[in-house]
Amino acid sequence: MPLDTSARFSDPDAAYRLIVEAHRGLSDDESRKLDAALILTLANQIGDLAILREALALSRAAIAPSKDAATA
């Protein structure tokens, strides 16, 4: 089963607010630890290495320019 990138939340803004609220009052270090714990929890929920690999590649591509773009 390929990674489903379609909108899955009925209220995506509420989902975003929930994540932001979970970070409220945390230090930068605590916030990074929360992110790591959430990532590992959700990765376990996915339970499929191929889908996890695809999600990681998609996420990396969103923040890091490709080598081709850097040399163009």
PDB file of N, CA and C in Angstrom:
ATOM      1  N   MET A   1       0.851  -1.176   0.000  1.00  0.00           N
ATOM      2  CA  MET A   1       0.000   0.000   0.000  1.00  0.00           C
ATOM      3  C   MET A   1       0.898   1.242   0.000  1.00  0.00           C
ATOM      4  N   PRO A   2       0.729   2.139  -0.961  1.00  0.00           N
ATOM      5  CA  PRO A   2       1.561   3.353  -0.996  1.00  0.00           C
ATOM      6  C   PRO A   2       1.127   4.365   0.069  1.00  0.00           C
ATOM      7  N   LEU A   3       1.995   5.303   0.318  1.00  0.00           N
ATOM      8  CA  LEU A   3       1.716   6.371   1.276  1.00  0.00           C
ATOM      9  C   LEU A   3       0.523   7.192   0.800  1.00  0.00           C
ATOM     10  N   ASP A   4      -0.446   7.402   1.657  1.00  0.00           N
ATOM     11  CA  ASP A   4      -1.626   8.209   1.342  1.00  0.00           C
ATOM     12  C   ASP A   4      -1.344   9.645   1.762  1.00  0.00           C
ATOM     13  N   THR A   5      -1.199  10.545   0.798  1.00  0.00           N
ATOM     14  CA  THR A   5      -0.907  11.945   1.107  1.00  0.00           C
ATOM     15  C   THR A   5      -2.140  12.838   0.976  1.00  0.00           C
ATOM     16  N   SER A   6      -3.298  12.228   0.825  1.00  0.00           N
ATOM     17  CA  SER A   6      -4.527  13.025   0.751  1.00  0.00           C
ATOM     18  C   SER A   6      -4.871  13.567   2.137  1.00  0.00           C
ATOM     19  N   ALA A   7      -5.652  14.638   2.162  1.00  0.00           N
ATOM     20  CA  ALA A   7      -6.089  15.217   3.439  1.00  0.00           C
ATOM     21  C   ALA A   7      -6.961  14.199   4.167  1.00  0.00           C
ATOM     22  N   ARG A   8      -6.592  13.856   5.385  1.00  0.00           N
ATOM     23  CA  ARG A   8      -7.301  12.814   6.125  1.00  0.00           C
ATOM     24  C   ARG A   8      -8.065  13.356   7.329  1.00  0.00           C
ATOM     25  N   PHE A   9      -7.750  14.568   7.772  1.00  0.00           N
ATOM     26  CA  PHE A   9      -8.446  15.150   8.919  1.00  0.00           C
ATOM     27  C   PHE A   9      -9.679  15.901   8.445  1.00  0.00           C
ATOM     28  N   SER A  10     -10.782  15.726   9.158  1.00  0.00           N
ATOM     29  CA  SER A  10     -11.979  16.503   8.830  1.00  0.00           C
ATOM     30  C   SER A  10     -11.773  17.969   9.200  1.00  0.00           C
ATOM     31  N   ASP A  11     -10.904  18.226  10.182  1.00  0.00           N
ATOM     32  CA  ASP A  11     -10.587  19.592  10.602  1.00  0.00           C
ATOM     33  C   ASP A  11      -9.072  19.704  10.781  1.00  0.00           C
ATOM     34  N   PRO A  12      -8.336  19.928   9.675  1.00  0.00           N
ATOM     35  CA  PRO A  12      -6.875  19.980   9.774  1.00  0.00           C
ATOM     36  C   PRO A  12      -6.371  21.103  10.677  1.00  0.00           C
ATOM     37  N   ASP A  13      -7.102  22.210  10.741  1.00  0.00           N
ATOM     38  CA  ASP A  13      -6.680  23.298  11.627  1.00  0.00           C
ATOM     39  C   ASP A  13      -6.732  22.875  13.091  1.00  0.00           C
ATOM     40  N   ALA A  14      -7.728  22.090  13.448  1.00  0.00           N
ATOM     41  CA  ALA A  14      -7.825  21.590  14.826  1.00  0.00           C
ATOM     42  C   ALA A  14      -6.672  20.638  15.129  1.00  0.00           C
ATOM     43  N   ALA A  15      -6.296  19.823  14.154  1.00  0.00           N
ATOM     44  CA  ALA A  15      -5.162  18.911  14.341  1.00  0.00           C
ATOM     45  C   ALA A  15      -3.877  19.709  14.556  1.00  0.00           C
ATOM     46  N   TYR A  16      -3.687  20.752  13.757  1.00  0.00           N
ATOM     47  CA  TYR A  16      -2.508  21.608  13.896  1.00  0.00           C
ATOM     48  C   TYR A  16      -2.497  22.278  15.272  1.00  0.00           C
ATOM     49  N   ARG A  17      -3.652  22.819  15.682  1.00  0.00           N
ATOM     50  CA  ARG A  17      -3.734  23.472  16.999  1.00  0.00           C
ATOM     51  C   ARG A  17      -3.418  22.492  18.127  1.00  0.00           C
ATOM     52  N   LEU A  18      -3.854  21.263  17.987  1.00  0.00           N
ATOM     53  CA  LEU A  18      -3.583  20.237  18.992  1.00  0.00           C
ATOM     54  C   LEU A  18      -2.076  20.010  19.144  1.00  0.00           C
ATOM     55  N   ILE A  19      -1.383  19.950  18.020  1.00  0.00           N
ATOM     56  CA  ILE A  19       0.075  19.762  18.050  1.00  0.00           C
ATOM     57  C   ILE A  19       0.759  20.981  18.657  1.00  0.00           C
ATOM     58  N   VAL A  20       0.350  22.173  18.228  1.00  0.00           N
ATOM     59  CA  VAL A  20       0.936  23.400  18.775  1.00  0.00           C
ATOM     60  C   VAL A  20       0.695  23.482  20.279  1.00  0.00           C
ATOM     61  N   GLU A  21      -0.506  23.176  20.708  1.00  0.00           N
ATOM     62  CA  GLU A  21      -0.845  23.247  22.133  1.00  0.00           C
ATOM     63  C   GLU A  21      -0.011  22.256  22.957  1.00  0.00           C
ATOM     64  N   ALA A  22       0.281  21.102  22.390  1.00  0.00           N
ATOM     65  CA  ALA A  22       1.095  20.109  23.102  1.00  0.00           C
ATOM     66  C   ALA A  22       2.499  20.643  23.382  1.00  0.00           C
ATOM     67  N   HIS A  23       2.963  21.588  22.548  1.00  0.00           N
ATOM     68  CA  HIS A  23       4.297  22.168  22.718  1.00  0.00           C
ATOM     69  C   HIS A  23       4.306  23.390  23.639  1.00  0.00           C
ATOM     70  N   ARG A  24       3.138  23.914  23.931  1.00  0.00           N
ATOM     71  CA  ARG A  24       3.060  25.138  24.739  1.00  0.00           C
ATOM     72  C   ARG A  24       3.715  24.928  26.105  1.00  0.00           C
ATOM     73  N   GLY A  25       4.597  25.859  26.457  1.00  0.00           N
ATOM     74  CA  GLY A  25       5.247  25.824  27.761  1.00  0.00           C
ATOM     75  C   GLY A  25       6.487  24.949  27.825  1.00  0.00           C
ATOM     76  N   LEU A  26       6.812  24.272  26.727  1.00  0.00           N
ATOM     77  CA  LEU A  26       7.995  23.414  26.720  1.00  0.00           C
ATOM     78  C   LEU A  26       9.222  24.202  26.285  1.00  0.00           C
ATOM     79  N   SER A  27      10.366  23.812  26.801  1.00  0.00           N
ATOM     80  CA  SER A  27      11.622  24.384  26.321  1.00  0.00           C
ATOM     81  C   SER A  27      11.894  23.825  24.921  1.00  0.00           C
ATOM     82  N   ASP A  28      12.869  24.390  24.221  1.00  0.00           N
ATOM     83  CA  ASP A  28      13.224  23.871  22.895  1.00  0.00           C
ATOM     84  C   ASP A  28      13.619  22.401  22.977  1.00  0.00           C
ATOM     85  N   ASP A  29      14.394  22.052  24.005  1.00  0.00           N
ATOM     86  CA  ASP A  29      14.821  20.662  24.168  1.00  0.00           C
ATOM     87  C   ASP A  29      13.627  19.745  24.439  1.00  0.00           C
ATOM     88  N   GLU A  30      12.738  20.179  25.315  1.00  0.00           N
ATOM     89  CA  GLU A  30      11.544  19.381  25.605  1.00  0.00           C
ATOM     90  C   GLU A  30      10.659  19.243  24.364  1.00  0.00           C
ATOM     91  N   SER A  31      10.583  20.302  23.585  1.00  0.00           N
ATOM     92  CA  SER A  31       9.781  20.274  22.364  1.00  0.00           C
ATOM     93  C   SER A  31      10.356  19.274  21.361  1.00  0.00           C
ATOM     94  N   ARG A  32      11.676  19.248  21.227  1.00  0.00           N
ATOM     95  CA  ARG A  32      12.323  18.260  20.336  1.00  0.00           C
ATOM     96  C   ARG A  32      12.074  16.841  20.833  1.00  0.00           C
ATOM     97  N   LYS A  33      12.108  16.649  22.145  1.00  0.00           N
ATOM     98  CA  LYS A  33      11.834  15.321  22.708  1.00  0.00           C
ATOM     99  C   LYS A  33      10.385  14.908  22.456  1.00  0.00           C
ATOM    100  N   LEU A  34       9.460  15.851  22.590  1.00  0.00           N
ATOM    101  CA  LEU A  34       8.058  15.562  22.288  1.00  0.00           C
ATOM    102  C   LEU A  34       7.906  15.173  20.820  1.00  0.00           C
ATOM    103  N   ASP A  35       8.545  15.943  19.925  1.00  0.00           N
ATOM    104  CA  ASP A  35       8.482  15.618  18.494  1.00  0.00           C
ATOM    105  C   ASP A  35       9.015  14.215  18.229  1.00  0.00           C
ATOM    106  N   ALA A  36      10.146  13.880  18.844  1.00  0.00           N
ATOM    107  CA  ALA A  36      10.735  12.553  18.640  1.00  0.00           C
ATOM    108  C   ALA A  36       9.810  11.454  19.152  1.00  0.00           C
ATOM    109  N   ALA A  37       9.226  11.664  20.326  1.00  0.00           N
ATOM    110  CA  ALA A  37       8.310  10.663  20.878  1.00  0.00           C
ATOM    111  C   ALA A  37       7.079  10.503  19.995  1.00  0.00           C
ATOM    112  N   LEU A  38       6.553  11.618  19.506  1.00  0.00           N
ATOM    113  CA  LEU A  38       5.383  11.566  18.625  1.00  0.00           C
ATOM    114  C   LEU A  38       5.717  10.857  17.318  1.00  0.00           C
ATOM    115  N   ILE A  39       6.872  11.155  16.745  1.00  0.00           N
ATOM    116  CA  ILE A  39       7.295  10.500  15.501  1.00  0.00           C
ATOM    117  C   ILE A  39       7.400   8.994  15.695  1.00  0.00           C
ATOM    118  N   LEU A  40       8.034   8.563  16.781  1.00  0.00           N
ATOM    119  CA  LEU A  40       8.182   7.126  17.023  1.00  0.00           C
ATOM    120  C   LEU A  40       6.837   6.456  17.283  1.00  0.00           C
ATOM    121  N   THR A  41       5.947   7.150  17.987  1.00  0.00           N
ATOM    122  CA  THR A  41       4.608   6.612  18.234  1.00  0.00           C
ATOM    123  C   THR A  41       3.842   6.445  16.927  1.00  0.00           C
ATOM    124  N   LEU A  42       3.887   7.471  16.077  1.00  0.00           N
ATOM    125  CA  LEU A  42       3.171   7.401  14.800  1.00  0.00           C
ATOM    126  C   LEU A  42       3.828   6.415  13.835  1.00  0.00           C
ATOM    127  N   ALA A  43       5.164   6.305  13.867  1.00  0.00           N
ATOM    128  CA  ALA A  43       5.850   5.313  13.036  1.00  0.00           C
ATOM    129  C   ALA A  43       5.415   3.911  13.430  1.00  0.00           C
ATOM    130  N   ASN A  44       5.282   3.670  14.717  1.00  0.00           N
ATOM    131  CA  ASN A  44       4.800   2.373  15.182  1.00  0.00           C
ATOM    132  C   ASN A  44       3.369   2.130  14.719  1.00  0.00           C
ATOM    133  N   GLN A  45       2.548   3.167  14.750  1.00  0.00           N
ATOM    134  CA  GLN A  45       1.165   3.049  14.288  1.00  0.00           C
ATOM    135  C   GLN A  45       1.121   2.684  12.802  1.00  0.00           C
ATOM    136  N   ILE A  46       2.017   3.268  12.008  1.00  0.00           N
ATOM    137  CA  ILE A  46       2.091   2.936  10.580  1.00  0.00           C
ATOM    138  C   ILE A  46       2.445   1.461  10.424  1.00  0.00           C
ATOM    139  N   GLY A  47       3.495   1.044  11.110  1.00  0.00           N
ATOM    140  CA  GLY A  47       3.858  -0.368  11.144  1.00  0.00           C
ATOM    141  C   GLY A  47       4.306  -0.978   9.830  1.00  0.00           C
ATOM    142  N   ASP A  48       4.679  -0.164   8.864  1.00  0.00           N
ATOM    143  CA  ASP A  48       5.082  -0.663   7.545  1.00  0.00           C
ATOM    144  C   ASP A  48       6.333   0.097   7.116  1.00  0.00           C
ATOM    145  N   LEU A  49       7.461  -0.625   7.000  1.00  0.00           N
ATOM    146  CA  LEU A  49       8.726   0.041   6.688  1.00  0.00           C
ATOM    147  C   LEU A  49       8.712   0.728   5.331  1.00  0.00           C
ATOM    148  N   ALA A  50       8.049   0.152   4.351  1.00  0.00           N
ATOM    149  CA  ALA A  50       8.004   0.769   3.021  1.00  0.00           C
ATOM    150  C   ALA A  50       7.273   2.112   3.078  1.00  0.00           C
ATOM    151  N   ILE A  51       6.167   2.158   3.796  1.00  0.00           N
ATOM    152  CA  ILE A  51       5.418   3.410   3.919  1.00  0.00           C
ATOM    153  C   ILE A  51       6.205   4.415   4.749  1.00  0.00           C
ATOM    154  N   LEU A  52       6.837   3.960   5.817  1.00  0.00           N
ATOM    155  CA  LEU A  52       7.661   4.845   6.636  1.00  0.00           C
ATOM    156  C   LEU A  52       8.809   5.417   5.811  1.00  0.00           C
ATOM    157  N   ARG A  53       9.451   4.578   5.021  1.00  0.00           N
ATOM    158  CA  ARG A  53      10.549   5.018   4.154  1.00  0.00           C
ATOM    159  C   ARG A  53      10.058   6.093   3.177  1.00  0.00           C
ATOM    160  N   GLU A  54       8.893   5.867   2.575  1.00  0.00           N
ATOM    161  CA  GLU A  54       8.320   6.827   1.633  1.00  0.00           C
ATOM    162  C   GLU A  54       7.985   8.148   2.340  1.00  0.00           C
ATOM    163  N   ALA A  55       7.421   8.066   3.534  1.00  0.00           N
ATOM    164  CA  ALA A  55       7.077   9.268   4.299  1.00  0.00           C
ATOM    165  C   ALA A  55       8.331  10.058   4.670  1.00  0.00           C
ATOM    166  N   LEU A  56       9.387   9.365   5.054  1.00  0.00           N
ATOM    167  CA  LEU A  56      10.642  10.035   5.392  1.00  0.00           C
ATOM    168  C   LEU A  56      11.248  10.718   4.173  1.00  0.00           C
ATOM    169  N   ALA A  57      11.232  10.046   3.035  1.00  0.00           N
ATOM    170  CA  ALA A  57      11.773  10.631   1.807  1.00  0.00           C
ATOM    171  C   ALA A  57      10.978  11.872   1.408  1.00  0.00           C
ATOM    172  N   LEU A  58       9.666  11.794   1.496  1.00  0.00           N
ATOM    173  CA  LEU A  58       8.809  12.929   1.161  1.00  0.00           C
ATOM    174  C   LEU A  58       9.080  14.098   2.107  1.00  0.00           C
ATOM    175  N   SER A  59       9.233  13.812   3.380  1.00  0.00           N
ATOM    176  CA  SER A  59       9.487  14.855   4.371  1.00  0.00           C
ATOM    177  C   SER A  59      10.859  15.488   4.179  1.00  0.00           C
ATOM    178  N   ARG A  60      11.866  14.678   3.896  1.00  0.00           N
ATOM    179  CA  ARG A  60      13.213  15.223   3.638  1.00  0.00           C
ATOM    180  C   ARG A  60      13.208  16.110   2.411  1.00  0.00           C
ATOM    181  N   ALA A  61      12.516  15.674   1.370  1.00  0.00           N
ATOM    182  CA  ALA A  61      12.455  16.452   0.133  1.00  0.00           C
ATOM    183  C   ALA A  61      11.781  17.804   0.364  1.00  0.00           C
ATOM    184  N   ALA A  62      10.870  17.854   1.310  1.00  0.00           N
ATOM    185  CA  ALA A  62      10.154  19.101   1.590  1.00  0.00           C
ATOM    186  C   ALA A  62      11.039  20.139   2.276  1.00  0.00           C
ATOM    187  N   ILE A  63      12.097  19.698   2.951  1.00  0.00           N
ATOM    188  CA  ILE A  63      12.938  20.651   3.686  1.00  0.00           C
ATOM    189  C   ILE A  63      14.335  20.808   3.115  1.00  0.00           C
ATOM    190  N   ALA A  64      14.785  19.856   2.322  1.00  0.00           N
ATOM    191  CA  ALA A  64      16.152  19.899   1.813  1.00  0.00           C
ATOM    192  C   ALA A  64      16.137  19.981   0.292  1.00  0.00           C
ATOM    193  N   PRO A  65      16.854  20.946  -0.268  1.00  0.00           N
ATOM    194  CA  PRO A  65      16.910  21.007  -1.729  1.00  0.00           C
ATOM    195  C   PRO A  65      17.606  19.769  -2.285  1.00  0.00           C
ATOM    196  N   SER A  66      17.159  19.339  -3.439  1.00  0.00           N
ATOM    197  CA  SER A  66      17.788  18.170  -4.054  1.00  0.00           C
ATOM    198  C   SER A  66      19.188  18.535  -4.521  1.00  0.00           C
ATOM    199  N   LYS A  67      20.043  17.532  -4.675  1.00  0.00           N
ATOM    200  CA  LYS A  67      21.403  17.768  -5.155  1.00  0.00           C
ATOM    201  C   LYS A  67      21.378  18.349  -6.562  1.00  0.00           C
ATOM    202  N   ASP A  68      20.419  17.916  -7.391  1.00  0.00           N
ATOM    203  CA  ASP A  68      20.310  18.434  -8.748  1.00  0.00           C
ATOM    204  C   ASP A  68      20.004  19.928  -8.737  1.00  0.00           C
ATOM    205  N   ALA A  69      19.108  20.349  -7.855  1.00  0.00           N
ATOM    206  CA  ALA A  69      18.735  21.759  -7.783  1.00  0.00           C
ATOM    207  C   ALA A  69      19.900  22.596  -7.262  1.00  0.00           C
ATOM    208  N   ALA A  70      20.696  22.030  -6.371  1.00  0.00           N
ATOM    209  CA  ALA A  70      21.819  22.762  -5.788  1.00  0.00           C
ATOM    210  C   ALA A  70      22.924  22.999  -6.804  1.00  0.00           C
ATOM    211  N   THR A  71      23.058  22.105  -7.767  1.00  0.00           N
ATOM    212  CA  THR A  71      24.128  22.240  -8.753  1.00  0.00           C
ATOM    213  C   THR A  71      23.664  22.932 -10.021  1.00  0.00           C
ATOM    214  N   ALA A  72      22.383  23.227 -10.131  1.00  0.00           N
ATOM    215  CA  ALA A  72      21.847  23.859 -11.352  1.00  0.00           C
ATOM    216  C   ALA A  72      22.130  25.343 -11.365  1.00  0.00           C
TER     217      ALA A  72
END
